[in-house]
Amino acid sequence: MKSFLTLAAAALPFLHGADAFWRMNCAVIQTGRVDPLVNPGTVAAHAHSIVGGSSKCSKQTCGNVEY
């Protein structure tokens, strides 16, 4: 009986739709003509706005991107 109640309590959130969201307070850390993957080391022909982690830089390469 105890395991049934535990299972029922665990399943309860999935029986009804959730009204929730998750938000991070991120800011634009860079805007510019930087595209280290397409145009490494040079000025790109287009612009990007980078939002989020501050570990990104203009010298980012495919080899040093953390997933």
PDB file of N, CA and C in Angstrom:
ATOM      1  N   MET A   1       0.816  -1.199   0.000  1.00  0.00           N
ATOM      2  CA  MET A   1       0.000   0.000   0.000  1.00  0.00           C
ATOM      3  C   MET A   1       0.861   1.265   0.000  1.00  0.00           C
ATOM      4  N   LYS A   2       1.962   1.234   0.764  1.00  0.00           N
ATOM      5  CA  LYS A   2       2.840   2.398   0.832  1.00  0.00           C
ATOM      6  C   LYS A   2       3.465   2.687  -0.535  1.00  0.00           C
ATOM      7  N   SER A   3       3.871   1.632  -1.253  1.00  0.00           N
ATOM      8  CA  SER A   3       4.471   1.840  -2.570  1.00  0.00           C
ATOM      9  C   SER A   3       3.446   2.385  -3.561  1.00  0.00           C
ATOM     10  N   PHE A   4       2.188   1.986  -3.415  1.00  0.00           N
ATOM     11  CA  PHE A   4       1.138   2.517  -4.285  1.00  0.00           C
ATOM     12  C   PHE A   4       0.950   4.011  -4.045  1.00  0.00           C
ATOM     13  N   LEU A   5       0.937   4.417  -2.785  1.00  0.00           N
ATOM     14  CA  LEU A   5       0.785   5.836  -2.466  1.00  0.00           C
ATOM     15  C   LEU A   5       1.977   6.647  -2.963  1.00  0.00           C
ATOM     16  N   THR A   6       3.163   6.084  -2.837  1.00  0.00           N
ATOM     17  CA  THR A   6       4.365   6.757  -3.345  1.00  0.00           C
ATOM     18  C   THR A   6       4.284   6.914  -4.852  1.00  0.00           C
ATOM     19  N   LEU A   7       3.877   5.864  -5.548  1.00  0.00           N
ATOM     20  CA  LEU A   7       3.732   5.922  -7.002  1.00  0.00           C
ATOM     21  C   LEU A   7       2.659   6.918  -7.405  1.00  0.00           C
ATOM     22  N   ALA A   8       1.541   6.910  -6.687  1.00  0.00           N
ATOM     23  CA  ALA A   8       0.459   7.851  -6.990  1.00  0.00           C
ATOM     24  C   ALA A   8       0.915   9.287  -6.773  1.00  0.00           C
ATOM     25  N   ALA A   9       1.652   9.533  -5.698  1.00  0.00           N
ATOM     26  CA  ALA A   9       2.149  10.881  -5.429  1.00  0.00           C
ATOM     27  C   ALA A   9       3.151  11.317  -6.489  1.00  0.00           C
ATOM     28  N   ALA A  10       3.967  10.390  -6.978  1.00  0.00           N
ATOM     29  CA  ALA A  10       4.946  10.721  -8.009  1.00  0.00           C
ATOM     30  C   ALA A  10       4.263  10.979  -9.345  1.00  0.00           C
ATOM     31  N   ALA A  11       3.158  10.303  -9.616  1.00  0.00           N
ATOM     32  CA  ALA A  11       2.462  10.446 -10.897  1.00  0.00           C
ATOM     33  C   ALA A  11       1.519  11.640 -10.913  1.00  0.00           C
ATOM     34  N   LEU A  12       1.163  12.170  -9.773  1.00  0.00           N
ATOM     35  CA  LEU A  12       0.182  13.248  -9.681  1.00  0.00           C
ATOM     36  C   LEU A  12       0.511  14.467 -10.547  1.00  0.00           C
ATOM     37  N   PRO A  13       1.742  14.967 -10.566  1.00  0.00           N
ATOM     38  CA  PRO A  13       2.031  16.135 -11.417  1.00  0.00           C
ATOM     39  C   PRO A  13       1.818  15.873 -12.903  1.00  0.00           C
ATOM     40  N   PHE A  14       1.909  14.617 -13.327  1.00  0.00           N
ATOM     41  CA  PHE A  14       1.771  14.302 -14.744  1.00  0.00           C
ATOM     42  C   PHE A  14       0.316  14.076 -15.152  1.00  0.00           C
ATOM     43  N   LEU A  15      -0.580  13.970 -14.195  1.00  0.00           N
ATOM     44  CA  LEU A  15      -1.986  13.742 -14.495  1.00  0.00           C
ATOM     45  C   LEU A  15      -2.706  15.031 -14.845  1.00  0.00           C
ATOM     46  N   HIS A  16      -2.150  16.132 -14.491  1.00  0.00           N
ATOM     47  CA  HIS A  16      -2.738  17.432 -14.779  1.00  0.00           C
ATOM     48  C   HIS A  16      -1.672  18.300 -15.428  1.00  0.00           C
ATOM     49  N   GLY A  17      -2.042  19.165 -16.333  1.00  0.00           N
ATOM     50  CA  GLY A  17      -1.080  20.048 -16.987  1.00  0.00           C
ATOM     51  C   GLY A  17      -0.394  20.965 -15.991  1.00  0.00           C
ATOM     52  N   ALA A  18       0.836  21.234 -16.216  1.00  0.00           N
ATOM     53  CA  ALA A  18       1.592  22.127 -15.335  1.00  0.00           C
ATOM     54  C   ALA A  18       1.564  23.540 -15.891  1.00  0.00           C
ATOM     55  N   ASP A  19       1.436  24.497 -15.037  1.00  0.00           N
ATOM     56  CA  ASP A  19       1.467  25.899 -15.422  1.00  0.00           C
ATOM     57  C   ASP A  19       2.722  26.503 -14.792  1.00  0.00           C
ATOM     58  N   ALA A  20       3.860  26.264 -15.425  1.00  0.00           N
ATOM     59  CA  ALA A  20       5.126  26.695 -14.853  1.00  0.00           C
ATOM     60  C   ALA A  20       6.078  27.131 -15.964  1.00  0.00           C
ATOM     61  N   PHE A  21       7.098  27.843 -15.591  1.00  0.00           N
ATOM     62  CA  PHE A  21       8.136  28.236 -16.533  1.00  0.00           C
ATOM     63  C   PHE A  21       9.445  28.372 -15.789  1.00  0.00           C
ATOM     64  N   TRP A  22      10.530  28.404 -16.562  1.00  0.00           N
ATOM     65  CA  TRP A  22      11.862  28.559 -16.003  1.00  0.00           C
ATOM     66  C   TRP A  22      12.528  29.701 -16.737  1.00  0.00           C
ATOM     67  N   ARG A  23      13.073  30.628 -16.007  1.00  0.00           N
ATOM     68  CA  ARG A  23      13.670  31.799 -16.625  1.00  0.00           C
ATOM     69  C   ARG A  23      15.036  32.063 -16.014  1.00  0.00           C
ATOM     70  N   MET A  24      15.986  32.351 -16.887  1.00  0.00           N
ATOM     71  CA  MET A  24      17.310  32.758 -16.427  1.00  0.00           C
ATOM     72  C   MET A  24      17.486  34.232 -16.746  1.00  0.00           C
ATOM     73  N   ASN A  25      18.145  34.920 -15.887  1.00  0.00           N
ATOM     74  CA  ASN A  25      18.404  36.330 -16.105  1.00  0.00           C
ATOM     75  C   ASN A  25      19.699  36.469 -16.914  1.00  0.00           C
ATOM     76  N   CYS A  26      19.575  36.404 -18.226  1.00  0.00           N
ATOM     77  CA  CYS A  26      20.733  36.506 -19.112  1.00  0.00           C
ATOM     78  C   CYS A  26      20.742  37.870 -19.783  1.00  0.00           C
ATOM     79  N   ALA A  27      21.892  38.354 -20.046  1.00  0.00           N
ATOM     80  CA  ALA A  27      22.031  39.640 -20.713  1.00  0.00           C
ATOM     81  C   ALA A  27      22.923  39.466 -21.937  1.00  0.00           C
ATOM     82  N   VAL A  28      22.811  40.405 -22.862  1.00  0.00           N
ATOM     83  CA  VAL A  28      23.682  40.405 -24.033  1.00  0.00           C
ATOM     84  C   VAL A  28      25.082  40.741 -23.551  1.00  0.00           C
ATOM     85  N   ILE A  29      26.030  39.839 -23.818  1.00  0.00           N
ATOM     86  CA  ILE A  29      27.396  40.083 -23.368  1.00  0.00           C
ATOM     87  C   ILE A  29      28.280  40.610 -24.489  1.00  0.00           C
ATOM     88  N   GLN A  30      27.804  40.474 -25.726  1.00  0.00           N
ATOM     89  CA  GLN A  30      28.581  40.982 -26.852  1.00  0.00           C
ATOM     90  C   GLN A  30      27.675  41.122 -28.063  1.00  0.00           C
ATOM     91  N   THR A  31      27.824  42.187 -28.798  1.00  0.00           N
ATOM     92  CA  THR A  31      27.173  42.366 -30.089  1.00  0.00           C
ATOM     93  C   THR A  31      28.254  42.844 -31.043  1.00  0.00           C
ATOM     94  N   GLY A  32      28.393  42.141 -32.129  1.00  0.00           N
ATOM     95  CA  GLY A  32      29.413  42.565 -33.077  1.00  0.00           C
ATOM     96  C   GLY A  32      29.538  41.624 -34.248  1.00  0.00           C
ATOM     97  N   ARG A  33      30.420  41.980 -35.135  1.00  0.00           N
ATOM     98  CA  ARG A  33      30.657  41.196 -36.344  1.00  0.00           C
ATOM     99  C   ARG A  33      31.723  40.140 -36.067  1.00  0.00           C
ATOM    100  N   VAL A  34      31.371  39.251 -35.161  1.00  0.00           N
ATOM    101  CA  VAL A  34      32.267  38.198 -34.730  1.00  0.00           C
ATOM    102  C   VAL A  34      31.591  36.856 -34.984  1.00  0.00           C
ATOM    103  N   ASP A  35      32.236  36.007 -35.746  1.00  0.00           N
ATOM    104  CA  ASP A  35      31.753  34.641 -35.964  1.00  0.00           C
ATOM    105  C   ASP A  35      32.971  33.741 -36.038  1.00  0.00           C
ATOM    106  N   PRO A  36      33.464  33.300 -34.874  1.00  0.00           N
ATOM    107  CA  PRO A  36      34.712  32.544 -34.848  1.00  0.00           C
ATOM    108  C   PRO A  36      34.621  31.172 -35.515  1.00  0.00           C
ATOM    109  N   LEU A  37      33.419  30.665 -35.759  1.00  0.00           N
ATOM    110  CA  LEU A  37      33.289  29.374 -36.418  1.00  0.00           C
ATOM    111  C   LEU A  37      33.318  29.508 -37.939  1.00  0.00           C
ATOM    112  N   VAL A  38      32.699  30.566 -38.459  1.00  0.00           N
ATOM    113  CA  VAL A  38      32.658  30.771 -39.911  1.00  0.00           C
ATOM    114  C   VAL A  38      33.832  31.623 -40.383  1.00  0.00           C
ATOM    115  N   ASN A  39      34.153  32.667 -39.641  1.00  0.00           N
ATOM    116  CA  ASN A  39      35.235  33.589 -39.988  1.00  0.00           C
ATOM    117  C   ASN A  39      36.228  33.694 -38.841  1.00  0.00           C
ATOM    118  N   PRO A  40      36.991  32.640 -38.554  1.00  0.00           N
ATOM    119  CA  PRO A  40      37.908  32.699 -37.409  1.00  0.00           C
ATOM    120  C   PRO A  40      39.012  33.738 -37.602  1.00  0.00           C
ATOM    121  N   GLY A  41      39.163  34.590 -36.584  1.00  0.00           N
ATOM    122  CA  GLY A  41      40.243  35.572 -36.599  1.00  0.00           C
ATOM    123  C   GLY A  41      40.034  36.773 -37.492  1.00  0.00           C
ATOM    124  N   THR A  42      38.879  36.868 -38.146  1.00  0.00           N
ATOM    125  CA  THR A  42      38.607  38.016 -39.019  1.00  0.00           C
ATOM    126  C   THR A  42      37.244  38.601 -38.683  1.00  0.00           C
ATOM    127  N   VAL A  43      36.965  39.745 -39.272  1.00  0.00           N
ATOM    128  CA  VAL A  43      35.669  40.394 -39.104  1.00  0.00           C
ATOM    129  C   VAL A  43      34.657  39.682 -40.000  1.00  0.00           C
ATOM    130  N   ALA A  44      33.510  39.346 -39.439  1.00  0.00           N
ATOM    131  CA  ALA A  44      32.471  38.653 -40.202  1.00  0.00           C
ATOM    132  C   ALA A  44      31.656  39.643 -41.022  1.00  0.00           C
ATOM    133  N   ALA A  45      30.996  39.150 -42.035  1.00  0.00           N
ATOM    134  CA  ALA A  45      30.145  39.989 -42.879  1.00  0.00           C
ATOM    135  C   ALA A  45      28.767  40.200 -42.259  1.00  0.00           C
ATOM    136  N   HIS A  46      28.523  39.587 -41.122  1.00  0.00           N
ATOM    137  CA  HIS A  46      27.238  39.683 -40.441  1.00  0.00           C
ATOM    138  C   HIS A  46      27.497  39.864 -38.940  1.00  0.00           C
ATOM    139  N   ALA A  47      26.453  40.197 -38.203  1.00  0.00           N
ATOM    140  CA  ALA A  47      26.602  40.452 -36.771  1.00  0.00           C
ATOM    141  C   ALA A  47      25.866  39.402 -35.948  1.00  0.00           C
ATOM    142  N   HIS A  48      26.362  39.173 -34.737  1.00  0.00           N
ATOM    143  CA  HIS A  48      25.723  38.289 -33.765  1.00  0.00           C
ATOM    144  C   HIS A  48      25.591  39.033 -32.449  1.00  0.00           C
ATOM    145  N   SER A  49      24.522  38.744 -31.728  1.00  0.00           N
ATOM    146  CA  SER A  49      24.377  39.162 -30.335  1.00  0.00           C
ATOM    147  C   SER A  49      24.500  37.899 -29.504  1.00  0.00           C
ATOM    148  N   ILE A  50      25.457  37.870 -28.608  1.00  0.00           N
ATOM    149  CA  ILE A  50      25.705  36.695 -27.777  1.00  0.00           C
ATOM    150  C   ILE A  50      25.052  36.923 -26.427  1.00  0.00           C
ATOM    151  N   VAL A  51      24.190  35.990 -26.042  1.00  0.00           N
ATOM    152  CA  VAL A  51      23.451  36.075 -24.793  1.00  0.00           C
ATOM    153  C   VAL A  51      23.805  34.866 -23.950  1.00  0.00           C
ATOM    154  N   GLY A  52      24.073  35.085 -22.675  1.00  0.00           N
ATOM    155  CA  GLY A  52      24.269  33.942 -21.792  1.00  0.00           C
ATOM    156  C   GLY A  52      25.646  33.883 -21.191  1.00  0.00           C
ATOM    157  N   GLY A  53      26.252  32.719 -21.312  1.00  0.00           N
ATOM    158  CA  GLY A  53      27.507  32.435 -20.648  1.00  0.00           C
ATOM    159  C   GLY A  53      28.629  33.383 -21.011  1.00  0.00           C
ATOM    160  N   SER A  54      29.370  33.787 -20.018  1.00  0.00           N
ATOM    161  CA  SER A  54      30.467  34.723 -20.242  1.00  0.00           C
ATOM    162  C   SER A  54      31.759  34.025 -20.647  1.00  0.00           C
ATOM    163  N   SER A  55      31.723  32.699 -20.822  1.00  0.00           N
ATOM    164  CA  SER A  55      32.944  31.979 -21.203  1.00  0.00           C
ATOM    165  C   SER A  55      33.174  31.988 -22.707  1.00  0.00           C
ATOM    166  N   LYS A  56      32.255  32.552 -23.460  1.00  0.00           N
ATOM    167  CA  LYS A  56      32.414  32.622 -24.922  1.00  0.00           C
ATOM    168  C   LYS A  56      33.269  33.826 -25.279  1.00  0.00           C
ATOM    169  N   CYS A  57      34.072  33.676 -26.318  1.00  0.00           N
ATOM    170  CA  CYS A  57      34.932  34.775 -26.720  1.00  0.00           C
ATOM    171  C   CYS A  57      35.115  34.751 -28.235  1.00  0.00           C
ATOM    172  N   SER A  58      35.772  35.759 -28.755  1.00  0.00           N
ATOM    173  CA  SER A  58      35.964  35.853 -30.199  1.00  0.00           C
ATOM    174  C   SER A  58      36.952  34.829 -30.729  1.00  0.00           C
ATOM    175  N   LYS A  59      37.677  34.147 -29.853  1.00  0.00           N
ATOM    176  CA  LYS A  59      38.625  33.125 -30.284  1.00  0.00           C
ATOM    177  C   LYS A  59      38.069  31.715 -30.113  1.00  0.00           C
ATOM    178  N   GLN A  60      36.748  31.605 -29.957  1.00  0.00           N
ATOM    179  CA  GLN A  60      36.092  30.306 -29.806  1.00  0.00           C
ATOM    180  C   GLN A  60      36.227  29.496 -31.092  1.00  0.00           C
ATOM    181  N   THR A  61      36.509  28.223 -30.961  1.00  0.00           N
ATOM    182  CA  THR A  61      36.614  27.331 -32.123  1.00  0.00           C
ATOM    183  C   THR A  61      35.741  26.103 -31.887  1.00  0.00           C
ATOM    184  N   CYS A  62      35.532  25.330 -32.923  1.00  0.00           N
ATOM    185  CA  CYS A  62      34.777  24.080 -32.765  1.00  0.00           C
ATOM    186  C   CYS A  62      35.480  23.153 -31.789  1.00  0.00           C
ATOM    187  N   GLY A  63      36.797  23.204 -31.744  1.00  0.00           N
ATOM    188  CA  GLY A  63      37.567  22.320 -30.888  1.00  0.00           C
ATOM    189  C   GLY A  63      37.498  22.634 -29.418  1.00  0.00           C
ATOM    190  N   ASN A  64      37.228  23.893 -29.054  1.00  0.00           N
ATOM    191  CA  ASN A  64      37.209  24.234 -27.633  1.00  0.00           C
ATOM    192  C   ASN A  64      35.812  24.605 -27.116  1.00  0.00           C
ATOM    193  N   VAL A  65      34.776  24.252 -27.855  1.00  0.00           N
ATOM    194  CA  VAL A  65      33.412  24.473 -27.386  1.00  0.00           C
ATOM    195  C   VAL A  65      33.044  23.331 -26.444  1.00  0.00           C
ATOM    196  N   GLU A  66      32.534  23.693 -25.269  1.00  0.00           N
ATOM    197  CA  GLU A  66      32.101  22.681 -24.297  1.00  0.00           C
ATOM    198  C   GLU A  66      30.629  22.407 -24.497  1.00  0.00           C
ATOM    199  N   TYR A  67      30.275  21.139 -24.527  1.00  0.00           N
ATOM    200  CA  TYR A  67      28.871  20.754 -24.692  1.00  0.00           C
ATOM    201  C   TYR A  67      28.307  20.318 -23.385  1.00  0.00           C
TER     202      TYR A  67
END
